[in-house]
């Protein structure tokens, strides 16, 4: 199992099935952004935002991959930090 997938499951255990369905970390970030927009039943929004931020921090520090779809840094910058004003302060 890819390291990004293991770490994602640690941060979002309730999304294990969704995480396993994602073909790449970029796809996962798109899914997380969508979940954040519509909310997750039974999950505190502030807690979800905190976990997204922590996973984003891990992605920034993770080893890079030459394929952007599988590179944690590229995927978090493209799908979260560039498009979500509430997370841009993390750049």
N, C-alpha and C. Protein backbone atom coordinates (compact mmCIF):
# COMPACT_ATOMS: atom_id res chain seq x y z
N UNK A 1 0.85 -1.17 0.00
CA UNK A 1 0.00 0.00 0.00
C UNK A 1 0.90 1.24 0.00
N UNK A 2 0.54 2.23 -0.79
CA UNK A 2 1.32 3.46 -0.89
C UNK A 2 1.32 4.20 0.45
N UNK A 3 2.43 4.84 0.75
CA UNK A 3 2.57 5.56 2.02
C UNK A 3 1.49 6.63 2.17
N UNK A 4 1.17 7.36 1.09
CA UNK A 4 0.15 8.40 1.19
C UNK A 4 -1.20 7.82 1.58
N UNK A 5 -1.49 6.62 1.11
CA UNK A 5 -2.76 5.97 1.43
C UNK A 5 -2.81 5.58 2.90
N UNK A 6 -1.70 5.05 3.41
CA UNK A 6 -1.62 4.66 4.82
C UNK A 6 -1.82 5.88 5.71
N UNK A 7 -1.12 6.96 5.39
CA UNK A 7 -1.22 8.19 6.19
C UNK A 7 -2.63 8.78 6.08
N UNK A 8 -3.22 8.75 4.91
CA UNK A 8 -4.59 9.26 4.74
C UNK A 8 -5.57 8.49 5.60
N UNK A 9 -5.44 7.18 5.64
CA UNK A 9 -6.33 6.36 6.46
C UNK A 9 -6.13 6.67 7.95
N UNK A 10 -4.90 6.95 8.35
CA UNK A 10 -4.64 7.34 9.73
C UNK A 10 -5.36 8.65 10.07
N UNK A 11 -5.38 9.59 9.13
CA UNK A 11 -6.03 10.88 9.36
C UNK A 11 -7.55 10.83 9.19
N UNK A 12 -8.01 9.95 8.31
CA UNK A 12 -9.44 9.89 7.99
C UNK A 12 -9.94 8.44 8.02
N UNK A 13 -9.92 7.79 9.18
CA UNK A 13 -10.30 6.37 9.23
C UNK A 13 -11.73 6.11 8.75
N UNK A 14 -12.61 7.08 8.91
CA UNK A 14 -13.99 6.90 8.47
C UNK A 14 -14.12 6.93 6.95
N UNK A 15 -13.05 7.31 6.26
CA UNK A 15 -13.06 7.37 4.79
C UNK A 15 -12.22 6.26 4.16
N UNK A 16 -11.92 5.23 4.91
CA UNK A 16 -11.06 4.14 4.43
C UNK A 16 -11.48 3.63 3.06
N UNK A 17 -12.75 3.35 2.87
CA UNK A 17 -13.22 2.82 1.58
C UNK A 17 -13.01 3.83 0.45
N UNK A 18 -13.35 5.09 0.71
CA UNK A 18 -13.14 6.13 -0.31
C UNK A 18 -11.67 6.27 -0.65
N UNK A 19 -10.82 6.25 0.38
CA UNK A 19 -9.37 6.39 0.16
C UNK A 19 -8.86 5.24 -0.69
N UNK A 20 -9.31 4.05 -0.41
CA UNK A 20 -8.88 2.89 -1.19
C UNK A 20 -9.39 2.91 -2.62
N UNK A 21 -10.49 3.62 -2.87
CA UNK A 21 -11.03 3.74 -4.22
C UNK A 21 -10.26 4.76 -5.06
N UNK A 22 -9.58 5.70 -4.43
CA UNK A 22 -8.86 6.74 -5.16
C UNK A 22 -7.65 6.14 -5.88
N UNK A 23 -7.54 6.46 -7.15
CA UNK A 23 -6.43 5.93 -7.96
C UNK A 23 -5.11 6.64 -7.69
N UNK A 24 -5.19 7.85 -7.15
CA UNK A 24 -3.97 8.63 -6.89
C UNK A 24 -4.21 9.56 -5.72
N UNK A 25 -3.14 10.13 -5.21
CA UNK A 25 -3.28 11.11 -4.12
C UNK A 25 -3.96 12.38 -4.63
N UNK A 26 -3.76 12.71 -5.89
CA UNK A 26 -4.46 13.85 -6.46
C UNK A 26 -5.97 13.61 -6.44
N UNK A 27 -6.40 12.43 -6.80
CA UNK A 27 -7.83 12.08 -6.74
C UNK A 27 -8.35 12.15 -5.31
N UNK A 28 -7.52 11.75 -4.36
CA UNK A 28 -7.93 11.83 -2.96
C UNK A 28 -8.13 13.27 -2.53
N UNK A 29 -7.22 14.17 -2.92
CA UNK A 29 -7.39 15.56 -2.54
C UNK A 29 -8.64 16.18 -3.15
N UNK A 30 -8.98 15.79 -4.35
CA UNK A 30 -10.22 16.26 -4.97
C UNK A 30 -11.41 15.76 -4.17
N UNK A 31 -11.36 14.50 -3.75
CA UNK A 31 -12.42 13.92 -2.92
C UNK A 31 -12.52 14.62 -1.57
N UNK A 32 -11.39 14.87 -0.92
CA UNK A 32 -11.40 15.56 0.37
C UNK A 32 -11.97 16.96 0.25
N UNK A 33 -11.65 17.65 -0.82
CA UNK A 33 -12.18 18.98 -1.04
C UNK A 33 -13.71 18.94 -1.20
N UNK A 34 -14.18 17.95 -1.93
CA UNK A 34 -15.62 17.78 -2.13
C UNK A 34 -16.32 17.45 -0.80
N UNK A 35 -15.72 16.58 -0.03
CA UNK A 35 -16.28 16.22 1.28
C UNK A 35 -16.32 17.45 2.19
N UNK A 36 -15.28 18.23 2.16
CA UNK A 36 -15.24 19.45 2.98
C UNK A 36 -16.36 20.40 2.57
N UNK A 37 -16.61 20.52 1.27
CA UNK A 37 -17.67 21.41 0.77
C UNK A 37 -19.06 20.98 1.23
N UNK A 38 -19.33 19.72 1.14
CA UNK A 38 -20.69 19.26 1.46
C UNK A 38 -20.84 18.79 2.90
N UNK A 39 -19.72 18.71 3.62
CA UNK A 39 -19.77 18.26 5.01
C UNK A 39 -19.85 16.75 5.07
N UNK A 40 -19.52 16.23 6.21
CA UNK A 40 -19.52 14.79 6.41
C UNK A 40 -20.42 14.52 7.61
N UNK A 41 -21.45 13.76 7.40
CA UNK A 41 -22.43 13.50 8.45
C UNK A 41 -21.75 12.98 9.71
N UNK A 42 -22.04 13.63 10.82
CA UNK A 42 -21.51 13.20 12.09
C UNK A 42 -20.08 13.63 12.39
N UNK A 43 -19.48 14.43 11.49
CA UNK A 43 -18.10 14.88 11.70
C UNK A 43 -18.10 16.39 11.91
N UNK A 44 -17.45 16.82 12.96
CA UNK A 44 -17.30 18.23 13.27
C UNK A 44 -16.46 18.91 12.18
N UNK A 45 -16.96 20.00 11.63
CA UNK A 45 -16.30 20.69 10.53
C UNK A 45 -14.90 21.18 10.95
N UNK A 46 -14.79 21.70 12.15
CA UNK A 46 -13.49 22.17 12.62
C UNK A 46 -12.49 21.02 12.74
N UNK A 47 -12.98 19.88 13.20
CA UNK A 47 -12.10 18.71 13.30
C UNK A 47 -11.68 18.23 11.92
N UNK A 48 -12.61 18.22 10.97
CA UNK A 48 -12.29 17.82 9.60
C UNK A 48 -11.26 18.78 9.01
N UNK A 49 -11.45 20.07 9.21
CA UNK A 49 -10.50 21.06 8.70
C UNK A 49 -9.12 20.85 9.32
N UNK A 50 -9.07 20.56 10.61
CA UNK A 50 -7.80 20.31 11.29
C UNK A 50 -7.09 19.10 10.70
N UNK A 51 -7.85 18.02 10.46
CA UNK A 51 -7.25 16.81 9.90
C UNK A 51 -6.80 17.02 8.46
N UNK A 52 -7.56 17.78 7.69
CA UNK A 52 -7.14 18.12 6.32
C UNK A 52 -5.83 18.91 6.37
N UNK A 53 -5.76 19.88 7.29
CA UNK A 53 -4.54 20.68 7.43
C UNK A 53 -3.35 19.80 7.81
N UNK A 54 -3.54 18.87 8.75
CA UNK A 54 -2.45 17.99 9.18
C UNK A 54 -2.00 17.07 8.04
N UNK A 55 -2.94 16.54 7.29
CA UNK A 55 -2.59 15.69 6.16
C UNK A 55 -1.87 16.52 5.09
N UNK A 56 -2.32 17.75 4.89
CA UNK A 56 -1.64 18.65 3.95
C UNK A 56 -0.21 18.92 4.37
N UNK A 57 0.01 19.11 5.66
CA UNK A 57 1.37 19.32 6.17
C UNK A 57 2.24 18.09 5.89
N UNK A 58 1.66 16.90 6.09
CA UNK A 58 2.42 15.68 5.80
C UNK A 58 2.78 15.65 4.31
N UNK A 59 1.84 16.00 3.45
CA UNK A 59 2.09 15.99 2.00
C UNK A 59 3.22 16.94 1.61
N UNK A 60 3.27 18.09 2.24
CA UNK A 60 4.32 19.06 1.92
C UNK A 60 5.69 18.50 2.28
N UNK A 61 5.77 17.76 3.37
CA UNK A 61 7.05 17.22 3.84
C UNK A 61 7.39 15.83 3.28
N UNK A 62 6.44 15.20 2.60
CA UNK A 62 6.64 13.82 2.11
C UNK A 62 7.66 13.78 0.96
N UNK A 63 8.30 12.64 0.77
CA UNK A 63 9.21 12.48 -0.38
C UNK A 63 8.45 12.74 -1.69
N UNK A 64 9.12 13.37 -2.63
CA UNK A 64 8.47 13.70 -3.90
C UNK A 64 8.50 12.53 -4.87
N UNK A 65 7.55 12.57 -5.81
CA UNK A 65 7.41 11.56 -6.85
C UNK A 65 7.43 12.31 -8.18
N UNK A 66 8.05 11.76 -9.18
CA UNK A 66 8.15 12.46 -10.48
C UNK A 66 6.82 12.56 -11.21
N UNK A 67 5.87 11.72 -10.88
CA UNK A 67 4.53 11.77 -11.49
C UNK A 67 3.62 12.59 -10.58
N UNK A 68 3.16 13.74 -11.06
CA UNK A 68 2.38 14.67 -10.23
C UNK A 68 1.13 14.03 -9.62
N UNK A 69 0.54 13.06 -10.31
CA UNK A 69 -0.65 12.42 -9.76
C UNK A 69 -0.37 11.68 -8.46
N UNK A 70 0.88 11.28 -8.29
CA UNK A 70 1.26 10.49 -7.11
C UNK A 70 2.21 11.24 -6.19
N UNK A 71 2.46 12.52 -6.49
CA UNK A 71 3.36 13.32 -5.68
C UNK A 71 2.55 14.07 -4.62
N UNK A 72 2.77 13.77 -3.34
CA UNK A 72 1.98 14.42 -2.29
C UNK A 72 2.07 15.95 -2.33
N UNK A 73 3.28 16.50 -2.50
CA UNK A 73 3.44 17.96 -2.50
C UNK A 73 2.65 18.61 -3.63
N UNK A 74 2.85 18.14 -4.85
CA UNK A 74 2.16 18.71 -6.00
C UNK A 74 0.65 18.61 -5.86
N UNK A 75 0.17 17.46 -5.43
CA UNK A 75 -1.27 17.26 -5.34
C UNK A 75 -1.92 18.17 -4.31
N UNK A 76 -1.28 18.37 -3.16
CA UNK A 76 -1.89 19.23 -2.14
C UNK A 76 -1.84 20.69 -2.58
N UNK A 77 -0.80 21.11 -3.25
CA UNK A 77 -0.72 22.50 -3.71
C UNK A 77 -1.77 22.76 -4.79
N UNK A 78 -1.87 21.85 -5.76
CA UNK A 78 -2.82 22.03 -6.86
C UNK A 78 -4.27 21.99 -6.39
N UNK A 79 -4.61 21.00 -5.60
CA UNK A 79 -6.02 20.79 -5.29
C UNK A 79 -6.50 21.43 -4.01
N UNK A 80 -5.61 21.84 -3.14
CA UNK A 80 -6.06 22.44 -1.89
C UNK A 80 -5.59 23.88 -1.75
N UNK A 81 -4.31 24.09 -1.67
CA UNK A 81 -3.79 25.41 -1.34
C UNK A 81 -4.10 26.45 -2.41
N UNK A 82 -4.09 26.07 -3.68
CA UNK A 82 -4.35 27.04 -4.74
C UNK A 82 -5.83 27.38 -4.89
N UNK A 83 -6.72 26.49 -4.46
CA UNK A 83 -8.15 26.66 -4.72
C UNK A 83 -8.99 26.87 -3.47
N UNK A 84 -8.40 26.77 -2.32
CA UNK A 84 -9.17 26.88 -1.08
C UNK A 84 -8.61 28.04 -0.25
N UNK A 85 -9.24 29.19 -0.27
CA UNK A 85 -8.72 30.35 0.47
C UNK A 85 -8.53 30.07 1.96
N UNK A 86 -9.38 29.23 2.53
CA UNK A 86 -9.27 28.98 3.95
C UNK A 86 -8.04 28.16 4.34
N UNK A 87 -7.34 27.60 3.33
CA UNK A 87 -6.11 26.85 3.59
C UNK A 87 -4.87 27.52 3.00
N UNK A 88 -5.02 28.61 2.27
CA UNK A 88 -3.88 29.24 1.60
C UNK A 88 -2.84 29.79 2.56
N UNK A 89 -3.25 30.09 3.78
CA UNK A 89 -2.29 30.61 4.76
C UNK A 89 -1.20 29.58 5.07
N UNK A 90 -1.42 28.33 4.73
CA UNK A 90 -0.46 27.29 5.01
C UNK A 90 0.71 27.29 4.03
N UNK A 91 0.58 27.99 2.91
CA UNK A 91 1.66 28.03 1.91
C UNK A 91 2.88 28.77 2.43
